[in-house]
C-alpha atoms as a PDB file:
ATOM      1  CA  UNK A   1       0.000   0.000   0.000  1.00  0.00           C
ATOM      2  CA  UNK A   2       1.407   3.386  -0.952  1.00  0.00           C
ATOM      3  CA  UNK A   3       2.005   6.083   1.627  1.00  0.00           C
ATOM      4  CA  UNK A   4       0.227   9.317   0.752  1.00  0.00           C
ATOM      5  CA  UNK A   5       1.912  12.228   2.538  1.00  0.00           C
ATOM      6  CA  UNK A   6       0.587  15.693   3.311  1.00  0.00           C
ATOM      7  CA  UNK A   7       3.042  18.462   4.171  1.00  0.00           C
ATOM      8  CA  UNK A   8       2.328  21.595   6.212  1.00  0.00           C
ATOM      9  CA  UNK A   9       4.792  24.460   5.749  1.00  0.00           C
ATOM     10  CA  UNK A  10       4.824  28.176   6.510  1.00  0.00           C
ATOM     11  CA  UNK A  11       7.882  29.491   4.732  1.00  0.00           C
ATOM     12  CA  UNK A  12      10.574  28.727   2.183  1.00  0.00           C
ATOM     13  CA  UNK A  13       9.845  25.011   2.108  1.00  0.00           C
ATOM     14  CA  UNK A  14      13.414  23.717   1.888  1.00  0.00           C
ATOM     15  CA  UNK A  15      12.462  20.601   3.875  1.00  0.00           C
ATOM     16  CA  UNK A  16       9.520  20.088   1.532  1.00  0.00           C
ATOM     17  CA  UNK A  17      11.930  20.357  -1.398  1.00  0.00           C
ATOM     18  CA  UNK A  18      14.177  17.765   0.222  1.00  0.00           C
ATOM     19  CA  UNK A  19      11.204  15.411   0.446  1.00  0.00           C
ATOM     20  CA  UNK A  20      10.226  16.080  -3.157  1.00  0.00           C
ATOM     21  CA  UNK A  21      13.801  15.490  -4.322  1.00  0.00           C
ATOM     22  CA  UNK A  22      14.318  12.254  -2.378  1.00  0.00           C
ATOM     23  CA  UNK A  23      11.310  10.225  -1.211  1.00  0.00           C
ATOM     24  CA  UNK A  24       8.532  11.501  -3.518  1.00  0.00           C
ATOM     25  CA  UNK A  25       7.811   8.633  -5.878  1.00  0.00           C
ATOM     26  CA  UNK A  26      10.168   6.309  -3.998  1.00  0.00           C
ATOM     27  CA  UNK A  27       9.098   3.038  -2.360  1.00  0.00           C
ATOM     28  CA  UNK A  28       5.435   3.860  -2.862  1.00  0.00           C
ATOM     29  CA  UNK A  29       5.745   7.233  -1.106  1.00  0.00           C
ATOM     30  CA  UNK A  30       3.803  10.054  -2.722  1.00  0.00           C
ATOM     31  CA  UNK A  31       3.472  13.647  -1.552  1.00  0.00           C
ATOM     32  CA  UNK A  32      -0.107  14.489  -2.468  1.00  0.00           C
ATOM     33  CA  UNK A  33      -0.847  17.712  -0.551  1.00  0.00           C
ATOM     34  CA  UNK A  34       0.935  20.855   0.598  1.00  0.00           C
ATOM     35  CA  UNK A  35      -0.927  23.250   2.886  1.00  0.00           C
ATOM     36  CA  UNK A  36       0.173  26.529   4.429  1.00  0.00           C
ATOM     37  CA  UNK A  37      -1.152  29.204   6.738  1.00  0.00           C
ATOM     38  CA  UNK A  38       0.826  31.735   4.685  1.00  0.00           C
ATOM     39  CA  UNK A  39      -0.366  32.577   1.153  1.00  0.00           C
ATOM     40  CA  UNK A  40       3.123  33.879   0.319  1.00  0.00           C
ATOM     41  CA  UNK A  41       4.964  30.746   1.435  1.00  0.00           C
ATOM     42  CA  UNK A  42       7.463  29.593  -1.176  1.00  0.00           C
ATOM     43  CA  UNK A  43       6.584  26.060  -0.131  1.00  0.00           C
ATOM     44  CA  UNK A  44       3.316  26.452  -2.056  1.00  0.00           C
ATOM     45  CA  UNK A  45       5.239  27.286  -5.223  1.00  0.00           C
ATOM     46  CA  UNK A  46       7.515  24.296  -4.681  1.00  0.00           C
ATOM     47  CA  UNK A  47       4.474  22.068  -4.327  1.00  0.00           C
ATOM     48  CA  UNK A  48       2.755  23.435  -7.426  1.00  0.00           C
ATOM     49  CA  UNK A  49       5.955  23.117  -9.445  1.00  0.00           C
ATOM     50  CA  UNK A  50       6.043  19.429  -8.519  1.00  0.00           C
ATOM     51  CA  UNK A  51       2.429  18.918  -9.532  1.00  0.00           C
ATOM     52  CA  UNK A  52       1.227  18.534  -5.950  1.00  0.00           C
ATOM     53  CA  UNK A  53      -2.134  19.917  -4.815  1.00  0.00           C
ATOM     54  CA  UNK A  54      -1.736  23.013  -2.632  1.00  0.00           C
ATOM     55  CA  UNK A  55      -4.071  25.013  -0.440  1.00  0.00           C
ATOM     56  CA  UNK A  56      -3.898  28.062   1.855  1.00  0.00           C
ATOM     57  CA  UNK A  57      -5.573  28.004   5.253  1.00  0.00           C
ATOM     58  CA  UNK A  58      -5.040  31.523   6.621  1.00  0.00           C
ATOM     59  CA  UNK A  59      -6.218  31.831  10.212  1.00  0.00           C
ATOM     60  CA  UNK A  60      -8.168  35.022   9.526  1.00  0.00           C
ATOM     61  CA  UNK A  61     -10.401  33.130   7.102  1.00  0.00           C
ATOM     62  CA  UNK A  62     -11.782  30.989   9.950  1.00  0.00           C
ATOM     63  CA  UNK A  63     -13.620  31.593  13.204  1.00  0.00           C
ATOM     64  CA  UNK A  64     -10.750  30.198  15.277  1.00  0.00           C
ATOM     65  CA  UNK A  65      -7.811  27.795  15.239  1.00  0.00           C
ATOM     66  CA  UNK A  66     -10.061  24.806  15.807  1.00  0.00           C
ATOM     67  CA  UNK A  67     -12.131  25.608  12.717  1.00  0.00           C
ATOM     68  CA  UNK A  68      -8.992  26.212  10.652  1.00  0.00           C
ATOM     69  CA  UNK A  69      -7.388  22.944  11.736  1.00  0.00           C
ATOM     70  CA  UNK A  70     -10.610  21.017  11.140  1.00  0.00           C
ATOM     71  CA  UNK A  71     -10.662  22.361   7.584  1.00  0.00           C
ATOM     72  CA  UNK A  72      -7.023  21.355   7.046  1.00  0.00           C
ATOM     73  CA  UNK A  73      -7.715  17.880   8.406  1.00  0.00           C
ATOM     74  CA  UNK A  74     -10.708  17.440   6.135  1.00  0.00           C
ATOM     75  CA  UNK A  75      -8.736  18.603   3.104  1.00  0.00           C
ATOM     76  CA  UNK A  76      -5.906  16.202   3.897  1.00  0.00           C
ATOM     77  CA  UNK A  77      -8.336  13.323   4.377  1.00  0.00           C
ATOM     78  CA  UNK A  78      -9.957  14.162   1.035  1.00  0.00           C
ATOM     79  CA  UNK A  79      -6.521  13.707  -0.542  1.00  0.00           C
ATOM     80  CA  UNK A  80      -6.091  10.310   1.114  1.00  0.00           C
ATOM     81  CA  UNK A  81      -3.254  11.490   3.357  1.00  0.00           C
ATOM     82  CA  UNK A  82      -1.996   8.880   5.825  1.00  0.00           C
ATOM     83  CA  UNK A  83       1.086  10.706   7.153  1.00  0.00           C
ATOM     84  CA  UNK A  84       1.326  14.433   7.934  1.00  0.00           C
ATOM     85  CA  UNK A  85       4.773  16.037   7.873  1.00  0.00           C
ATOM     86  CA  UNK A  86       5.412  19.412   9.487  1.00  0.00           C
ATOM     87  CA  UNK A  87       8.198  21.029   7.477  1.00  0.00           C
ATOM     88  CA  UNK A  88       8.714  24.451   8.983  1.00  0.00           C
ATOM     89  CA  UNK A  89       5.045  24.853   9.933  1.00  0.00           C
ATOM     90  CA  UNK A  90       5.003  27.773  12.365  1.00  0.00           C
ATOM     91  CA  UNK A  91       1.591  27.142  13.888  1.00  0.00           C
ATOM     92  CA  UNK A  92       0.588  25.111  16.927  1.00  0.00           C
ATOM     93  CA  UNK A  93      -1.780  22.305  15.996  1.00  0.00           C
ATOM     94  CA  UNK A  94      -4.992  21.917  17.966  1.00  0.00           C
ATOM     95  CA  UNK A  95      -5.745  18.736  19.921  1.00  0.00           C
ATOM     96  CA  UNK A  96      -8.529  17.913  17.470  1.00  0.00           C
ATOM     97  CA  UNK A  97      -6.126  17.868  14.525  1.00  0.00           C
ATOM     98  CA  UNK A  98      -3.578  15.812  16.429  1.00  0.00           C
ATOM     99  CA  UNK A  99      -6.269  13.306  17.401  1.00  0.00           C
ATOM    100  CA  UNK A 100      -7.399  13.040  13.774  1.00  0.00           C
ATOM    101  CA  UNK A 101      -3.891  11.932  12.786  1.00  0.00           C
ATOM    102  CA  UNK A 102      -2.760  10.317  16.034  1.00  0.00           C
ATOM    103  CA  UNK A 103       0.785   8.917  15.767  1.00  0.00           C
ATOM    104  CA  UNK A 104       0.743   9.931  12.108  1.00  0.00           C
ATOM    105  CA  UNK A 105       2.264  13.437  12.368  1.00  0.00           C
ATOM    106  CA  UNK A 106       6.023  13.988  12.296  1.00  0.00           C
ATOM    107  CA  UNK A 107       7.955  17.194  12.803  1.00  0.00           C
ATOM    108  CA  UNK A 108      11.556  18.241  12.234  1.00  0.00           C
ATOM    109  CA  UNK A 109      13.091  20.520  14.866  1.00  0.00           C
ATOM    110  CA  UNK A 110      16.514  22.242  14.757  1.00  0.00           C
ATOM    111  CA  UNK A 111      17.655  21.220  18.240  1.00  0.00           C
ATOM    112  CA  UNK A 112      18.451  18.106  20.219  1.00  0.00           C
ATOM    113  CA  UNK A 113      15.162  17.681  22.043  1.00  0.00           C
ATOM    114  CA  UNK A 114      14.222  17.838  24.834  1.00  0.00           C
ATOM    115  CA  UNK A 115      16.608  20.809  24.829  1.00  0.00           C
ATOM    116  CA  UNK A 116      15.342  24.057  23.289  1.00  0.00           C
ATOM    117  CA  UNK A 117      11.783  23.205  22.253  1.00  0.00           C
ATOM    118  CA  UNK A 118       9.528  25.770  20.618  1.00  0.00           C
ATOM    119  CA  UNK A 119      10.449  28.899  18.701  1.00  0.00           C
ATOM    120  CA  UNK A 120      13.893  30.534  18.423  1.00  0.00           C
ATOM    121  CA  UNK A 121      15.545  27.222  19.220  1.00  0.00           C
ATOM    122  CA  UNK A 122      18.696  27.978  17.217  1.00  0.00           C
ATOM    123  CA  UNK A 123      19.028  31.461  18.717  1.00  0.00           C
ATOM    124  CA  UNK A 124      18.616  30.061  22.227  1.00  0.00           C
ATOM    125  CA  UNK A 125      21.175  27.365  21.475  1.00  0.00           C
ATOM    126  CA  UNK A 126      23.730  30.052  20.577  1.00  0.00           C
ATOM    127  CA  UNK A 127      22.766  32.297  23.517  1.00  0.00           C
ATOM    128  CA  UNK A 128      23.387  29.420  25.934  1.00  0.00           C
ATOM    129  CA  UNK A 129      26.870  28.828  24.555  1.00  0.00           C
ATOM    130  CA  UNK A 130      26.069  25.265  23.575  1.00  0.00           C
ATOM    131  CA  UNK A 131      28.990  23.417  21.931  1.00  0.00           C
ATOM    132  CA  UNK A 132      26.909  20.625  20.364  1.00  0.00           C
ATOM    133  CA  UNK A 133      23.653  21.227  18.517  1.00  0.00           C
ATOM    134  CA  UNK A 134      21.578  19.025  16.287  1.00  0.00           C
ATOM    135  CA  UNK A 135      18.309  18.044  14.652  1.00  0.00           C
ATOM    136  CA  UNK A 136      15.406  15.959  15.928  1.00  0.00           C
ATOM    137  CA  UNK A 137      12.586  14.319  13.995  1.00  0.00           C
ATOM    138  CA  UNK A 138       9.739  13.321  16.285  1.00  0.00           C
ATOM    139  CA  UNK A 139       6.110  12.329  16.404  1.00  0.00           C
ATOM    140  CA  UNK A 140       3.782  15.172  17.361  1.00  0.00           C
ATOM    141  CA  UNK A 141       1.685  15.053  20.514  1.00  0.00           C
ATOM    142  CA  UNK A 142      -0.290  17.700  22.393  1.00  0.00           C
ATOM    143  CA  UNK A 143       2.833  19.354  23.798  1.00  0.00           C
ATOM    144  CA  UNK A 144       5.316  21.707  22.148  1.00  0.00           C
ATOM    145  CA  UNK A 145       8.040  19.512  20.621  1.00  0.00           C
ATOM    146  CA  UNK A 146       7.444  16.880  23.300  1.00  0.00           C
ATOM    147  CA  UNK A 147       6.460  13.872  21.159  1.00  0.00           C
ATOM    148  CA  UNK A 148       8.388  10.589  20.907  1.00  0.00           C
ATOM    149  CA  UNK A 149      11.742  10.995  19.182  1.00  0.00           C
ATOM    150  CA  UNK A 150      12.309   9.116  15.916  1.00  0.00           C
ATOM    151  CA  UNK A 151      15.766  10.275  14.790  1.00  0.00           C
ATOM    152  CA  UNK A 152      18.437  12.652  16.063  1.00  0.00           C
ATOM    153  CA  UNK A 153      21.841  13.750  14.861  1.00  0.00           C
ATOM    154  CA  UNK A 154      24.331  15.983  16.636  1.00  0.00           C
ATOM    155  CA  UNK A 155      26.885  18.367  15.153  1.00  0.00           C
ATOM    156  CA  UNK A 156      29.695  20.350  16.753  1.00  0.00           C
ATOM    157  CA  UNK A 157      29.301  24.112  16.688  1.00  0.00           C
ATOM    158  CA  UNK A 158      32.445  26.080  15.810  1.00  0.00           C
ATOM    159  CA  UNK A 159      33.510  28.679  18.341  1.00  0.00           C
ATOM    160  CA  UNK A 160      31.979  32.093  17.700  1.00  0.00           C
ATOM    161  CA  UNK A 161      29.295  30.881  15.285  1.00  0.00           C
ATOM    162  CA  UNK A 162      26.093  32.922  15.138  1.00  0.00           C
ATOM    163  CA  UNK A 163      22.512  31.731  14.692  1.00  0.00           C
ATOM    164  CA  UNK A 164      22.570  32.116  10.903  1.00  0.00           C
ATOM    165  CA  UNK A 165      25.766  30.100  10.693  1.00  0.00           C
ATOM    166  CA  UNK A 166      24.318  27.399  12.929  1.00  0.00           C
ATOM    167  CA  UNK A 167      21.168  27.206  10.800  1.00  0.00           C
ATOM    168  CA  UNK A 168      23.334  26.781   7.698  1.00  0.00           C
ATOM    169  CA  UNK A 169      25.019  23.783   9.344  1.00  0.00           C
ATOM    170  CA  UNK A 170      21.784  22.286  10.645  1.00  0.00           C
ATOM    171  CA  UNK A 171      19.720  22.600   7.490  1.00  0.00           C
ATOM    172  CA  UNK A 172      21.491  19.837   5.519  1.00  0.00           C
ATOM    173  CA  UNK A 173      20.999  17.543   8.517  1.00  0.00           C
ATOM    174  CA  UNK A 174      17.266  18.321   8.481  1.00  0.00           C
ATOM    175  CA  UNK A 175      17.204  17.538   4.758  1.00  0.00           C
ATOM    176  CA  UNK A 176      18.646  14.074   5.465  1.00  0.00           C
ATOM    177  CA  UNK A 177      16.822  13.090   8.641  1.00  0.00           C
ATOM    178  CA  UNK A 178      13.279  14.087   7.648  1.00  0.00           C
ATOM    179  CA  UNK A 179      13.194  11.993   4.443  1.00  0.00           C
ATOM    180  CA  UNK A 180      14.781   9.085   6.316  1.00  0.00           C
ATOM    181  CA  UNK A 181      12.022   9.229   8.944  1.00  0.00           C
ATOM    182  CA  UNK A 182       9.390   9.171   6.200  1.00  0.00           C
ATOM    183  CA  UNK A 183      11.093   6.154   4.616  1.00  0.00           C
ATOM    184  CA  UNK A 184      11.090   4.332   7.939  1.00  0.00           C
ATOM    185  CA  UNK A 185       7.411   5.110   8.463  1.00  0.00           C
ATOM    186  CA  UNK A 186       6.559   3.929   4.943  1.00  0.00           C
ATOM    187  CA  UNK A 187       8.331   0.617   5.558  1.00  0.00           C
ATOM    188  CA  UNK A 188       6.421   0.076   8.793  1.00  0.00           C
ATOM    189  CA  UNK A 189       9.720   0.173  10.650  1.00  0.00           C
ATOM    190  CA  UNK A 190       8.591   2.541  13.408  1.00  0.00           C
ATOM    191  CA  UNK A 191       6.930   1.205  16.522  1.00  0.00           C
ATOM    192  CA  UNK A 192       6.612   2.058  20.198  1.00  0.00           C
ATOM    193  CA  UNK A 193       8.210   0.317  23.153  1.00  0.00           C
ATOM    194  CA  UNK A 194       5.385  -1.332  25.158  1.00  0.00           C
ATOM    195  CA  UNK A 195       7.289  -0.575  28.344  1.00  0.00           C
ATOM    196  CA  UNK A 196       7.689   3.088  27.449  1.00  0.00           C
ATOM    197  CA  UNK A 197       5.397   4.496  24.737  1.00  0.00           C
ATOM    198  CA  UNK A 198       7.581   7.604  24.540  1.00  0.00           C
ATOM    199  CA  UNK A 199      10.382   5.489  23.091  1.00  0.00           C
ATOM    200  CA  UNK A 200      10.259   4.838  19.349  1.00  0.00           C
ATOM    201  CA  UNK A 201      11.574   1.441  18.274  1.00  0.00           C
ATOM    202  CA  UNK A 202      13.095   1.126  14.790  1.00  0.00           C
ATOM    203  CA  UNK A 203      12.967  -2.364  13.352  1.00  0.00           C
END
């Protein structure tokens, strides 16, 4: 059975492009939907250029976040989406959306969780004088970057590096780990430890 993937993105969409360039059309994986809260997101252009259906769900067009997320969920379901990937999606998802795709939402985060969750993670990494940074791909739960961790990779930070420099080092890692997590999901290789459901088991 093929894996139909929906991607949510708010900005440039470089992680979306990495998915399109690597796993799209591979091993039965197909990106079938790209949604954004931002009508100017370059991710929408990347999706359209790849022949993927795109849609804008601006918050101001809905009564509240719950209504907006319900509309996104319905649109994704109408496209047959089984896995939702957050690729630079700068909006908190409502519990209703998360429940609709329980254990079927993955996010990429530019820090070694549980350190530096939430926004400005790279800036806070630099401000704290951290010597080792990294990238985490995790399942999404009701918390902020608190879901079970799928993959992580650490990198050393050169002395004196700023946030822009750190992002430049972290981005290629994101572009490798996120597609790999999607591949693992597509192969049915991701499970949960019965003794600790927060621990992802890779088979």
